Amino acid sequence: MELMLNTPDQHQPLLGQRAAIVLLLGVLVGLGAGVLTVLAGESAASGVLAGGAAFAAAVLFFHTIIA
């Protein structure tokens, strides 16, 4: 049985470029929403929940609009 060794031309990226951009934008939106929530005087738990919800909504939004 022959072992398959990874040569430089066989390396595949873990994420595609589009997926990386969509997730990066989602993280940035979620982080911004969480920070703004905490700066508005809410608790840290509320900031985490707001950031998580904003992340999910942003990923769905950017997945839809980025071709």
Protein backbone atom coordinates (compact mmCIF):
# COMPACT_ATOMS: atom_id res chain seq x y z
CA MET A 1 0.00 0.00 0.00
CA GLU A 2 1.42 3.36 -1.01
CA LEU A 3 1.21 6.34 1.34
CA MET A 4 -0.09 9.59 -0.08
CA LEU A 5 2.31 12.37 0.82
CA ASN A 6 1.33 16.01 0.54
CA THR A 7 3.42 17.77 -2.02
CA PRO A 8 3.27 21.56 -2.35
CA ASP A 9 0.86 21.42 -5.29
CA GLN A 10 -1.62 19.23 -3.35
CA HIS A 11 -2.24 21.68 -0.49
CA GLN A 12 -5.82 22.84 -0.33
CA PRO A 13 -6.94 25.83 1.77
CA LEU A 14 -8.98 25.09 4.87
CA LEU A 15 -11.54 27.75 3.90
CA GLY A 16 -12.31 29.28 0.57
CA GLN A 17 -11.71 32.97 0.05
CA ARG A 18 -15.42 33.76 -0.01
CA ALA A 19 -16.12 31.86 3.21
CA ALA A 20 -13.22 33.58 4.96
CA ILE A 21 -14.49 37.02 3.94
CA VAL A 22 -18.07 36.24 5.01
CA LEU A 23 -16.93 34.94 8.41
CA LEU A 24 -14.50 37.82 8.93
CA LEU A 25 -17.21 40.38 8.23
CA GLY A 26 -19.56 38.49 10.56
CA VAL A 27 -17.00 38.57 13.36
CA LEU A 28 -16.39 42.29 12.87
CA VAL A 29 -20.11 43.08 12.94
CA GLY A 30 -20.67 40.88 15.99
CA LEU A 31 -17.73 42.41 17.84
CA GLY A 32 -18.92 45.92 17.04
CA ALA A 33 -22.45 45.17 18.19
CA GLY A 34 -21.24 43.61 21.41
CA VAL A 35 -18.90 46.49 22.23
CA LEU A 36 -21.56 49.10 21.48
CA THR A 37 -24.05 47.24 23.67
CA VAL A 38 -21.66 47.21 26.63
CA LEU A 39 -20.72 50.87 26.07
CA ALA A 40 -24.43 51.73 26.13
CA GLY A 41 -24.52 50.59 29.74
CA GLU A 42 -25.79 47.03 29.42
CA SER A 43 -24.16 44.05 31.12
CA ALA A 44 -21.40 42.00 29.52
CA ALA A 45 -23.80 39.08 29.11
CA SER A 46 -26.13 41.28 27.10
CA GLY A 47 -23.20 42.36 24.97
CA VAL A 48 -22.27 38.75 24.24
CA LEU A 49 -25.85 37.88 23.31
CA ALA A 50 -26.18 40.95 21.08
CA GLY A 51 -22.83 40.19 19.44
CA GLY A 52 -23.79 36.57 18.79
CA ALA A 53 -27.11 37.57 17.25
CA ALA A 54 -25.42 40.22 15.12
CA PHE A 55 -22.80 37.69 13.99
CA ALA A 56 -25.47 35.24 12.85
CA ALA A 57 -27.45 37.91 11.04
CA ALA A 58 -24.34 39.34 9.39
CA VAL A 59 -23.16 35.94 8.14
CA LEU A 60 -26.57 35.29 6.59
CA PHE A 61 -26.61 38.77 5.07
CA PHE A 62 -23.09 38.68 3.62
CA HIS A 63 -23.57 35.09 2.40
CA THR A 64 -26.55 36.36 0.43
CA ILE A 65 -25.00 39.48 -1.09
CA ILE A 66 -21.44 38.32 -1.82
CA ALA A 67 -21.40 36.35 -5.06
